[in-house]
């Protein structure tokens, strides 16, 4: 991948949960801090909660639809790690470089994700079985 499309850090790890409110309480106990953001992303059929850990984040995902992607994931595999996301400087360049390199993409073009970021997914078959997300680089939180 070219420089603009090269991942700069792990942006977040997404964890699929059945009950977001219960999961928030669990992660508050585990991490010793509360989420800095909770939001619904209608286009993705999810409610999310974000916890900051240094330069990375944990994203809890609860489906808002019984046939949404997170609900299907939980039905098939149960709660747990859903995806890993990498920040890139230029998501369009990253997608172009990945597709040119023969990587199977779920999203050929970026779409809107949580926190107002542009996101795109790489098919697990092209990432050793891991659903992988790339996102544009978000400003760091204080």
C-alpha atoms as a PDB file:
ATOM      1  CA  UNK A   1       0.000   0.000   0.000  1.00  0.00           C
ATOM      2  CA  UNK A   2       1.234   3.512  -0.709  1.00  0.00           C
ATOM      3  CA  UNK A   3       2.044   5.912   2.126  1.00  0.00           C
ATOM      4  CA  UNK A   4      -1.329   7.701   2.243  1.00  0.00           C
ATOM      5  CA  UNK A   5      -3.133   4.362   2.326  1.00  0.00           C
ATOM      6  CA  UNK A   6      -0.825   2.697   4.860  1.00  0.00           C
ATOM      7  CA  UNK A   7      -2.357   2.007   8.289  1.00  0.00           C
ATOM      8  CA  UNK A   8      -1.014   4.334  10.965  1.00  0.00           C
ATOM      9  CA  UNK A   9      -2.463   2.602  14.035  1.00  0.00           C
ATOM     10  CA  UNK A  10      -5.165   0.274  15.274  1.00  0.00           C
ATOM     11  CA  UNK A  11      -8.144   2.635  15.328  1.00  0.00           C
ATOM     12  CA  UNK A  12     -10.427   0.310  17.279  1.00  0.00           C
ATOM     13  CA  UNK A  13     -11.469  -3.247  17.979  1.00  0.00           C
ATOM     14  CA  UNK A  14     -15.183  -3.882  17.466  1.00  0.00           C
ATOM     15  CA  UNK A  15     -16.952  -6.244  19.861  1.00  0.00           C
ATOM     16  CA  UNK A  16     -20.441  -7.559  19.077  1.00  0.00           C
ATOM     17  CA  UNK A  17     -22.760  -7.603  22.115  1.00  0.00           C
ATOM     18  CA  UNK A  18     -26.398  -8.543  22.664  1.00  0.00           C
ATOM     19  CA  UNK A  19     -27.158  -5.807  25.222  1.00  0.00           C
ATOM     20  CA  UNK A  20     -25.187  -2.575  24.872  1.00  0.00           C
ATOM     21  CA  UNK A  21     -26.170  -1.167  28.270  1.00  0.00           C
ATOM     22  CA  UNK A  22     -25.091  -4.343  30.082  1.00  0.00           C
ATOM     23  CA  UNK A  23     -21.877  -4.484  28.052  1.00  0.00           C
ATOM     24  CA  UNK A  24     -21.111  -0.848  28.920  1.00  0.00           C
ATOM     25  CA  UNK A  25     -21.387  -1.687  32.632  1.00  0.00           C
ATOM     26  CA  UNK A  26     -19.100  -4.707  32.127  1.00  0.00           C
ATOM     27  CA  UNK A  27     -16.461  -2.694  30.271  1.00  0.00           C
ATOM     28  CA  UNK A  28     -16.652   0.147  32.795  1.00  0.00           C
ATOM     29  CA  UNK A  29     -15.684  -2.410  35.456  1.00  0.00           C
ATOM     30  CA  UNK A  30     -12.990  -3.974  33.266  1.00  0.00           C
ATOM     31  CA  UNK A  31     -11.390  -0.742  32.079  1.00  0.00           C
ATOM     32  CA  UNK A  32     -12.107   1.572  35.000  1.00  0.00           C
ATOM     33  CA  UNK A  33     -13.589   4.266  32.733  1.00  0.00           C
ATOM     34  CA  UNK A  34     -16.902   4.910  31.045  1.00  0.00           C
ATOM     35  CA  UNK A  35     -17.512   5.313  27.344  1.00  0.00           C
ATOM     36  CA  UNK A  36     -16.738   8.708  25.879  1.00  0.00           C
ATOM     37  CA  UNK A  37     -19.418   8.299  23.189  1.00  0.00           C
ATOM     38  CA  UNK A  38     -22.599   6.302  22.656  1.00  0.00           C
ATOM     39  CA  UNK A  39     -24.410   6.673  19.348  1.00  0.00           C
ATOM     40  CA  UNK A  40     -26.702   4.976  16.886  1.00  0.00           C
ATOM     41  CA  UNK A  41     -25.556   4.471  13.295  1.00  0.00           C
ATOM     42  CA  UNK A  42     -28.793   3.826  11.366  1.00  0.00           C
ATOM     43  CA  UNK A  43     -26.989   2.965   8.092  1.00  0.00           C
ATOM     44  CA  UNK A  44     -25.147   0.148   9.907  1.00  0.00           C
ATOM     45  CA  UNK A  45     -28.141  -0.997  12.040  1.00  0.00           C
ATOM     46  CA  UNK A  46     -26.102  -0.620  15.241  1.00  0.00           C
ATOM     47  CA  UNK A  47     -25.793   1.271  18.494  1.00  0.00           C
ATOM     48  CA  UNK A  48     -22.195   1.777  19.542  1.00  0.00           C
ATOM     49  CA  UNK A  49     -20.241   2.753  22.631  1.00  0.00           C
ATOM     50  CA  UNK A  50     -16.577   3.785  22.474  1.00  0.00           C
ATOM     51  CA  UNK A  51     -13.945   3.461  25.171  1.00  0.00           C
ATOM     52  CA  UNK A  52     -10.512   5.073  24.705  1.00  0.00           C
ATOM     53  CA  UNK A  53      -7.375   3.098  25.516  1.00  0.00           C
ATOM     54  CA  UNK A  54      -4.314   5.200  24.722  1.00  0.00           C
ATOM     55  CA  UNK A  55      -4.329   5.762  20.961  1.00  0.00           C
ATOM     56  CA  UNK A  56      -6.791   2.935  20.331  1.00  0.00           C
ATOM     57  CA  UNK A  57     -10.429   2.344  21.160  1.00  0.00           C
ATOM     58  CA  UNK A  58     -12.848  -0.441  21.978  1.00  0.00           C
ATOM     59  CA  UNK A  59     -16.172  -0.221  20.137  1.00  0.00           C
ATOM     60  CA  UNK A  60     -19.116  -2.172  21.532  1.00  0.00           C
ATOM     61  CA  UNK A  61     -21.756  -2.905  18.874  1.00  0.00           C
ATOM     62  CA  UNK A  62     -25.389  -3.831  19.494  1.00  0.00           C
ATOM     63  CA  UNK A  63     -27.663  -4.568  16.552  1.00  0.00           C
ATOM     64  CA  UNK A  64     -30.760  -2.412  16.177  1.00  0.00           C
ATOM     65  CA  UNK A  65     -32.265  -4.882  13.718  1.00  0.00           C
ATOM     66  CA  UNK A  66     -32.816  -8.631  14.082  1.00  0.00           C
ATOM     67  CA  UNK A  67     -31.399  -9.135  10.584  1.00  0.00           C
ATOM     68  CA  UNK A  68     -28.549  -6.603  10.827  1.00  0.00           C
ATOM     69  CA  UNK A  69     -24.934  -7.683  10.305  1.00  0.00           C
ATOM     70  CA  UNK A  70     -24.118  -7.676  14.030  1.00  0.00           C
ATOM     71  CA  UNK A  71     -27.242  -9.700  14.861  1.00  0.00           C
ATOM     72  CA  UNK A  72     -26.312 -12.242  12.184  1.00  0.00           C
ATOM     73  CA  UNK A  73     -22.752 -12.389  13.528  1.00  0.00           C
ATOM     74  CA  UNK A  74     -23.980 -13.063  17.081  1.00  0.00           C
ATOM     75  CA  UNK A  75     -26.476 -15.694  15.876  1.00  0.00           C
ATOM     76  CA  UNK A  76     -23.673 -17.527  14.078  1.00  0.00           C
ATOM     77  CA  UNK A  77     -20.698 -17.013  16.423  1.00  0.00           C
ATOM     78  CA  UNK A  78     -21.997 -15.498  19.666  1.00  0.00           C
ATOM     79  CA  UNK A  79     -20.785 -12.321  21.295  1.00  0.00           C
ATOM     80  CA  UNK A  80     -17.139 -11.424  20.842  1.00  0.00           C
ATOM     81  CA  UNK A  81     -14.617  -9.721  18.629  1.00  0.00           C
ATOM     82  CA  UNK A  82     -16.386  -8.686  15.440  1.00  0.00           C
ATOM     83  CA  UNK A  83     -13.681  -6.699  13.603  1.00  0.00           C
ATOM     84  CA  UNK A  84     -10.423  -4.812  13.855  1.00  0.00           C
ATOM     85  CA  UNK A  85     -10.132  -1.336  12.363  1.00  0.00           C
ATOM     86  CA  UNK A  86      -7.023   0.438  11.117  1.00  0.00           C
ATOM     87  CA  UNK A  87      -6.702   4.193  10.598  1.00  0.00           C
ATOM     88  CA  UNK A  88      -5.319   5.308   7.248  1.00  0.00           C
ATOM     89  CA  UNK A  89      -4.406   8.785   6.039  1.00  0.00           C
ATOM     90  CA  UNK A  90      -6.361   8.480   2.789  1.00  0.00           C
ATOM     91  CA  UNK A  91      -9.128   5.886   2.679  1.00  0.00           C
ATOM     92  CA  UNK A  92      -9.632   6.305  -1.085  1.00  0.00           C
ATOM     93  CA  UNK A  93      -5.938   5.623  -1.763  1.00  0.00           C
ATOM     94  CA  UNK A  94      -6.028   2.647   0.616  1.00  0.00           C
ATOM     95  CA  UNK A  95      -9.042   1.112  -1.157  1.00  0.00           C
ATOM     96  CA  UNK A  96      -7.452   1.651  -4.560  1.00  0.00           C
ATOM     97  CA  UNK A  97      -4.154   0.083  -3.435  1.00  0.00           C
ATOM     98  CA  UNK A  98      -5.897  -2.871  -1.788  1.00  0.00           C
ATOM     99  CA  UNK A  99      -8.114  -3.581  -4.798  1.00  0.00           C
ATOM    100  CA  UNK A 100      -5.129  -3.231  -7.158  1.00  0.00           C
ATOM    101  CA  UNK A 101      -3.275  -5.744  -4.992  1.00  0.00           C
ATOM    102  CA  UNK A 102      -6.053  -8.304  -5.363  1.00  0.00           C
ATOM    103  CA  UNK A 103      -7.580  -7.846  -1.901  1.00  0.00           C
ATOM    104  CA  UNK A 104     -11.285  -8.735  -1.786  1.00  0.00           C
ATOM    105  CA  UNK A 105     -13.239  -5.717  -0.545  1.00  0.00           C
ATOM    106  CA  UNK A 106     -16.727  -5.646   0.924  1.00  0.00           C
ATOM    107  CA  UNK A 107     -16.875  -1.899   0.280  1.00  0.00           C
ATOM    108  CA  UNK A 108     -15.324  -0.543  -2.890  1.00  0.00           C
ATOM    109  CA  UNK A 109     -16.170   2.985  -1.752  1.00  0.00           C
ATOM    110  CA  UNK A 110     -16.132   4.465   1.759  1.00  0.00           C
ATOM    111  CA  UNK A 111     -19.384   4.835   3.670  1.00  0.00           C
ATOM    112  CA  UNK A 112     -20.356   6.694   6.819  1.00  0.00           C
ATOM    113  CA  UNK A 113     -19.540   4.994  10.107  1.00  0.00           C
ATOM    114  CA  UNK A 114     -19.657   5.884  13.782  1.00  0.00           C
ATOM    115  CA  UNK A 115     -18.046   9.100  14.985  1.00  0.00           C
ATOM    116  CA  UNK A 116     -18.546  10.610  11.521  1.00  0.00           C
ATOM    117  CA  UNK A 117     -15.657   8.603  10.081  1.00  0.00           C
ATOM    118  CA  UNK A 118     -15.540   7.216   6.561  1.00  0.00           C
ATOM    119  CA  UNK A 119     -15.173   3.438   6.734  1.00  0.00           C
ATOM    120  CA  UNK A 120     -14.772   0.455   4.417  1.00  0.00           C
ATOM    121  CA  UNK A 121     -14.511  -3.262   5.107  1.00  0.00           C
ATOM    122  CA  UNK A 122     -12.097  -5.850   3.760  1.00  0.00           C
ATOM    123  CA  UNK A 123     -13.529  -9.344   3.334  1.00  0.00           C
ATOM    124  CA  UNK A 124     -12.332 -11.832   5.981  1.00  0.00           C
ATOM    125  CA  UNK A 125     -11.127 -14.181   3.222  1.00  0.00           C
ATOM    126  CA  UNK A 126      -8.481 -11.585   2.344  1.00  0.00           C
ATOM    127  CA  UNK A 127      -7.411 -11.035   5.964  1.00  0.00           C
ATOM    128  CA  UNK A 128      -6.805 -14.504   7.435  1.00  0.00           C
ATOM    129  CA  UNK A 129     -10.434 -14.846   8.532  1.00  0.00           C
ATOM    130  CA  UNK A 130     -10.654 -11.453  10.270  1.00  0.00           C
ATOM    131  CA  UNK A 131     -13.271  -8.883   9.259  1.00  0.00           C
ATOM    132  CA  UNK A 132     -11.088  -5.813   8.791  1.00  0.00           C
ATOM    133  CA  UNK A 133     -12.175  -2.191   8.634  1.00  0.00           C
ATOM    134  CA  UNK A 134     -10.192   0.770   7.437  1.00  0.00           C
ATOM    135  CA  UNK A 135     -11.144   4.280   8.480  1.00  0.00           C
ATOM    136  CA  UNK A 136      -9.972   7.745   7.654  1.00  0.00           C
ATOM    137  CA  UNK A 137      -7.810   9.279  10.330  1.00  0.00           C
ATOM    138  CA  UNK A 138      -9.876  10.898  13.046  1.00  0.00           C
ATOM    139  CA  UNK A 139      -8.622  13.737  15.170  1.00  0.00           C
ATOM    140  CA  UNK A 140      -7.240  12.441  18.463  1.00  0.00           C
ATOM    141  CA  UNK A 141      -9.373  13.016  21.538  1.00  0.00           C
ATOM    142  CA  UNK A 142      -7.858  14.978  24.423  1.00  0.00           C
END
